Every structure is written in structure tokens, then in C-alpha cells.
């Protein structure tokens, strides 16, 4: 999916992007844990752990992206 940064995105587009990114990240983390022998699909604790770690990673990425927004862009919007 290519996002045109010069156009506003809808909430539905945002939801789709976050959902896709989360599921992709979830798959990658599960695969990494499987390779390391640290994941058992029959264990609800392992599944929950991968889900929580993925959620934390996604939220960290979102927070870092927000923090990296040029402060002058924010000031321009708020003045």
C-alpha cells in the first residue's frame, strides 16, 4: 500500500494500516520465537506473550514516529 503523504488519510485507511502492520509484526515475532524454540502454539501463555510483545512494539513505533515529527510542523498547525 502506498500512502500519499500530501493527502489526508481516512480513519478506515489508518485502521487498515495499523491492523496490517500489527498482524505482520505478530507473525514475524512468532516466527522468531519458533526459531529460537521459545514458542509453543498450544500454550496460551506463549500466544498471549507474543500478542502483548507485538502490541508493545507497535505502540513504541507509533510513539517514536510521533516524537520524530518536526516541531515546526506542529507549531504551524496549532497557530
N, C-alpha and C. Protein backbone atom coordinates (compact mmCIF):
# COMPACT_ATOMS: atom_id res chain seq x y z
N UNK A 1 0.85 -1.17 0.00
CA UNK A 1 0.00 0.00 0.00
C UNK A 1 0.89 1.23 0.00
N UNK A 2 0.65 2.12 -0.92
CA UNK A 2 1.39 3.38 -0.99
C UNK A 2 0.50 4.47 -0.43
N UNK A 3 1.07 5.25 0.48
CA UNK A 3 0.31 6.33 1.10
C UNK A 3 0.83 7.65 0.54
N UNK A 4 -0.08 8.44 -0.01
CA UNK A 4 0.26 9.77 -0.50
C UNK A 4 0.27 10.71 0.70
N UNK A 5 1.46 11.12 1.12
CA UNK A 5 1.58 11.94 2.32
C UNK A 5 1.11 13.37 2.12
N UNK A 6 0.77 13.74 0.89
CA UNK A 6 0.25 15.07 0.63
C UNK A 6 -1.28 15.12 0.75
N UNK A 7 -1.90 13.98 0.96
CA UNK A 7 -3.36 13.92 1.10
C UNK A 7 -3.69 13.41 2.50
N UNK A 8 -4.84 13.82 2.98
CA UNK A 8 -5.31 13.31 4.27
C UNK A 8 -5.70 11.85 4.10
N UNK A 9 -5.51 11.07 5.16
CA UNK A 9 -5.95 9.68 5.11
C UNK A 9 -7.20 9.54 5.99
N UNK A 10 -8.04 8.63 5.59
CA UNK A 10 -9.26 8.40 6.36
C UNK A 10 -8.94 7.53 7.57
N UNK A 11 -9.85 7.54 8.53
CA UNK A 11 -9.68 6.68 9.70
C UNK A 11 -9.66 5.21 9.27
N UNK A 12 -10.48 4.87 8.27
CA UNK A 12 -10.52 3.49 7.77
C UNK A 12 -9.17 3.08 7.19
N UNK A 13 -8.51 3.99 6.46
CA UNK A 13 -7.18 3.70 5.92
C UNK A 13 -6.17 3.52 7.06
N UNK A 14 -6.28 4.36 8.07
CA UNK A 14 -5.41 4.25 9.23
C UNK A 14 -5.62 2.91 9.93
N UNK A 15 -6.88 2.55 10.15
CA UNK A 15 -7.20 1.27 10.79
C UNK A 15 -6.62 0.10 10.00
N UNK A 16 -6.78 0.16 8.69
CA UNK A 16 -6.27 -0.91 7.82
C UNK A 16 -4.75 -1.00 7.93
N UNK A 17 -4.08 0.13 7.91
CA UNK A 17 -2.62 0.15 8.01
C UNK A 17 -2.16 -0.44 9.34
N UNK A 18 -2.75 0.02 10.45
CA UNK A 18 -2.35 -0.45 11.78
C UNK A 18 -2.64 -1.95 11.90
N UNK A 19 -3.79 -2.39 11.44
CA UNK A 19 -4.14 -3.80 11.50
C UNK A 19 -3.14 -4.65 10.71
N UNK A 20 -2.83 -4.22 9.51
CA UNK A 20 -1.88 -4.95 8.66
C UNK A 20 -0.50 -4.97 9.31
N UNK A 21 -0.05 -3.84 9.84
CA UNK A 21 1.26 -3.75 10.49
C UNK A 21 1.32 -4.64 11.72
N UNK A 22 0.26 -4.63 12.54
CA UNK A 22 0.21 -5.46 13.74
C UNK A 22 0.28 -6.94 13.38
N UNK A 23 -0.54 -7.37 12.43
CA UNK A 23 -0.56 -8.78 12.05
C UNK A 23 0.77 -9.22 11.45
N UNK A 24 1.38 -8.37 10.66
CA UNK A 24 2.70 -8.66 10.09
C UNK A 24 3.73 -8.79 11.21
N UNK A 25 3.71 -7.87 12.15
CA UNK A 25 4.66 -7.89 13.27
C UNK A 25 4.42 -9.11 14.15
N UNK A 26 3.16 -9.46 14.36
CA UNK A 26 2.81 -10.64 15.16
C UNK A 26 3.39 -11.91 14.53
N UNK A 27 3.23 -12.03 13.23
CA UNK A 27 3.76 -13.18 12.50
C UNK A 27 5.28 -13.24 12.61
N UNK A 28 5.93 -12.10 12.42
CA UNK A 28 7.40 -12.06 12.49
C UNK A 28 7.91 -12.45 13.86
N UNK A 29 7.27 -11.94 14.93
CA UNK A 29 7.72 -12.26 16.28
C UNK A 29 7.47 -13.73 16.61
N UNK A 30 6.32 -14.25 16.19
CA UNK A 30 6.03 -15.67 16.42
C UNK A 30 7.08 -16.53 15.72
N UNK A 31 7.41 -16.19 14.46
CA UNK A 31 8.41 -16.96 13.71
C UNK A 31 9.78 -16.89 14.37
N UNK A 32 10.16 -15.71 14.86
CA UNK A 32 11.44 -15.58 15.55
C UNK A 32 11.47 -16.44 16.81
N UNK A 33 10.38 -16.41 17.57
CA UNK A 33 10.32 -17.20 18.79
C UNK A 33 10.32 -18.70 18.49
N UNK A 34 9.66 -19.10 17.40
CA UNK A 34 9.68 -20.51 17.00
C UNK A 34 11.09 -20.95 16.64
N UNK A 35 11.80 -20.11 15.88
CA UNK A 35 13.17 -20.44 15.50
C UNK A 35 14.07 -20.60 16.72
N UNK A 36 13.79 -19.81 17.76
CA UNK A 36 14.59 -19.87 18.98
C UNK A 36 14.09 -20.95 19.94
N UNK A 37 13.04 -21.67 19.54
CA UNK A 37 12.48 -22.71 20.40
C UNK A 37 11.75 -22.16 21.60
N UNK A 38 11.28 -20.90 21.50
CA UNK A 38 10.63 -20.24 22.63
C UNK A 38 9.14 -20.04 22.41
N UNK A 39 8.54 -20.79 21.49
CA UNK A 39 7.11 -20.60 21.24
C UNK A 39 6.45 -21.95 21.06
N UNK A 40 5.37 -22.15 21.78
CA UNK A 40 4.55 -23.36 21.67
C UNK A 40 3.13 -22.91 21.39
N UNK A 41 2.65 -23.20 20.19
CA UNK A 41 1.32 -22.74 19.76
C UNK A 41 0.21 -23.28 20.65
N UNK A 42 0.46 -24.37 21.36
CA UNK A 42 -0.57 -24.92 22.24
C UNK A 42 -0.60 -24.22 23.60
N UNK A 43 0.39 -23.36 23.85
CA UNK A 43 0.46 -22.66 25.14
C UNK A 43 -0.21 -21.29 25.04
N UNK A 44 -1.28 -21.12 25.82
CA UNK A 44 -1.96 -19.83 25.81
C UNK A 44 -1.05 -18.73 26.35
N UNK A 45 -0.15 -19.07 27.26
CA UNK A 45 0.81 -18.08 27.78
C UNK A 45 1.75 -17.60 26.68
N UNK A 46 2.23 -18.52 25.85
CA UNK A 46 3.12 -18.15 24.75
C UNK A 46 2.39 -17.27 23.74
N UNK A 47 1.16 -17.66 23.40
CA UNK A 47 0.37 -16.86 22.45
C UNK A 47 0.11 -15.46 23.01
N UNK A 48 -0.30 -15.40 24.28
CA UNK A 48 -0.57 -14.10 24.90
C UNK A 48 0.71 -13.26 24.98
N UNK A 49 1.83 -13.90 25.29
CA UNK A 49 3.11 -13.18 25.37
C UNK A 49 3.50 -12.57 24.03
N UNK A 50 3.33 -13.32 22.95
CA UNK A 50 3.65 -12.80 21.62
C UNK A 50 2.72 -11.65 21.27
N UNK A 51 1.44 -11.78 21.62
CA UNK A 51 0.48 -10.72 21.33
C UNK A 51 0.84 -9.44 22.10
N UNK A 52 1.15 -9.59 23.39
CA UNK A 52 1.48 -8.41 24.20
C UNK A 52 2.79 -7.76 23.74
N UNK A 53 3.78 -8.57 23.43
CA UNK A 53 5.05 -8.00 22.94
C UNK A 53 4.86 -7.28 21.62
N UNK A 54 4.05 -7.85 20.74
CA UNK A 54 3.79 -7.22 19.45
C UNK A 54 3.05 -5.90 19.64
N UNK A 55 2.05 -5.90 20.51
CA UNK A 55 1.31 -4.66 20.77
C UNK A 55 2.25 -3.58 21.31
N UNK A 56 3.11 -3.96 22.25
CA UNK A 56 4.07 -3.01 22.81
C UNK A 56 5.01 -2.49 21.74
N UNK A 57 5.49 -3.37 20.87
CA UNK A 57 6.39 -2.95 19.79
C UNK A 57 5.71 -1.98 18.83
N UNK A 58 4.46 -2.27 18.48
CA UNK A 58 3.72 -1.39 17.56
C UNK A 58 3.50 -0.03 18.21
N UNK A 59 3.09 -0.02 19.47
CA UNK A 59 2.86 1.25 20.16
C UNK A 59 4.16 2.04 20.31
N UNK A 60 5.25 1.36 20.56
CA UNK A 60 6.55 2.04 20.65
C UNK A 60 6.89 2.68 19.30
N UNK A 61 6.66 1.95 18.22
CA UNK A 61 6.92 2.51 16.88
C UNK A 61 6.05 3.74 16.62
N UNK A 62 4.79 3.68 17.00
CA UNK A 62 3.89 4.82 16.81
C UNK A 62 4.37 6.00 17.64
N UNK A 63 4.70 5.76 18.90
CA UNK A 63 5.18 6.85 19.76
C UNK A 63 6.46 7.47 19.23
N UNK A 64 7.40 6.64 18.77
CA UNK A 64 8.66 7.17 18.24
C UNK A 64 8.41 8.01 16.98
N UNK A 65 7.47 7.56 16.16
CA UNK A 65 7.13 8.30 14.94
C UNK A 65 6.55 9.66 15.29
N UNK A 66 5.66 9.70 16.27
CA UNK A 66 5.07 10.96 16.71
C UNK A 66 6.13 11.88 17.28
N UNK A 67 7.02 11.33 18.10
CA UNK A 67 8.09 12.14 18.69
C UNK A 67 9.04 12.71 17.63
N UNK A 68 9.16 12.04 16.50
CA UNK A 68 10.06 12.49 15.44
C UNK A 68 9.44 13.53 14.50
N UNK A 69 8.17 13.86 14.71
CA UNK A 69 7.53 14.87 13.87
C UNK A 69 8.20 16.21 14.14
N UNK A 70 8.54 16.90 13.07
CA UNK A 70 9.20 18.20 13.18
C UNK A 70 8.31 19.15 13.99
N UNK A 71 8.86 19.68 15.05
CA UNK A 71 8.10 20.56 15.97
C UNK A 71 7.58 21.80 15.25
N UNK A 72 8.27 22.24 14.23
CA UNK A 72 7.78 23.42 13.49
C UNK A 72 6.51 23.09 12.72
N UNK A 73 6.36 21.85 12.28
CA UNK A 73 5.12 21.42 11.60
C UNK A 73 3.95 21.44 12.58
N UNK A 74 4.22 20.99 13.80
CA UNK A 74 3.18 21.00 14.84
C UNK A 74 2.80 22.43 15.19
N UNK A 75 3.80 23.28 15.38
CA UNK A 75 3.56 24.69 15.71
C UNK A 75 2.74 25.37 14.61
N UNK A 76 3.06 25.06 13.37
CA UNK A 76 2.34 25.66 12.24
C UNK A 76 0.86 25.27 12.28
N UNK A 77 0.57 24.01 12.60
CA UNK A 77 -0.81 23.56 12.65
C UNK A 77 -1.58 24.16 13.82
N UNK A 78 -0.87 24.43 14.91
CA UNK A 78 -1.55 24.91 16.11
C UNK A 78 -1.62 26.42 16.21
N UNK A 79 -1.02 27.15 15.27
CA UNK A 79 -1.10 28.61 15.36
C UNK A 79 -2.20 29.17 14.51
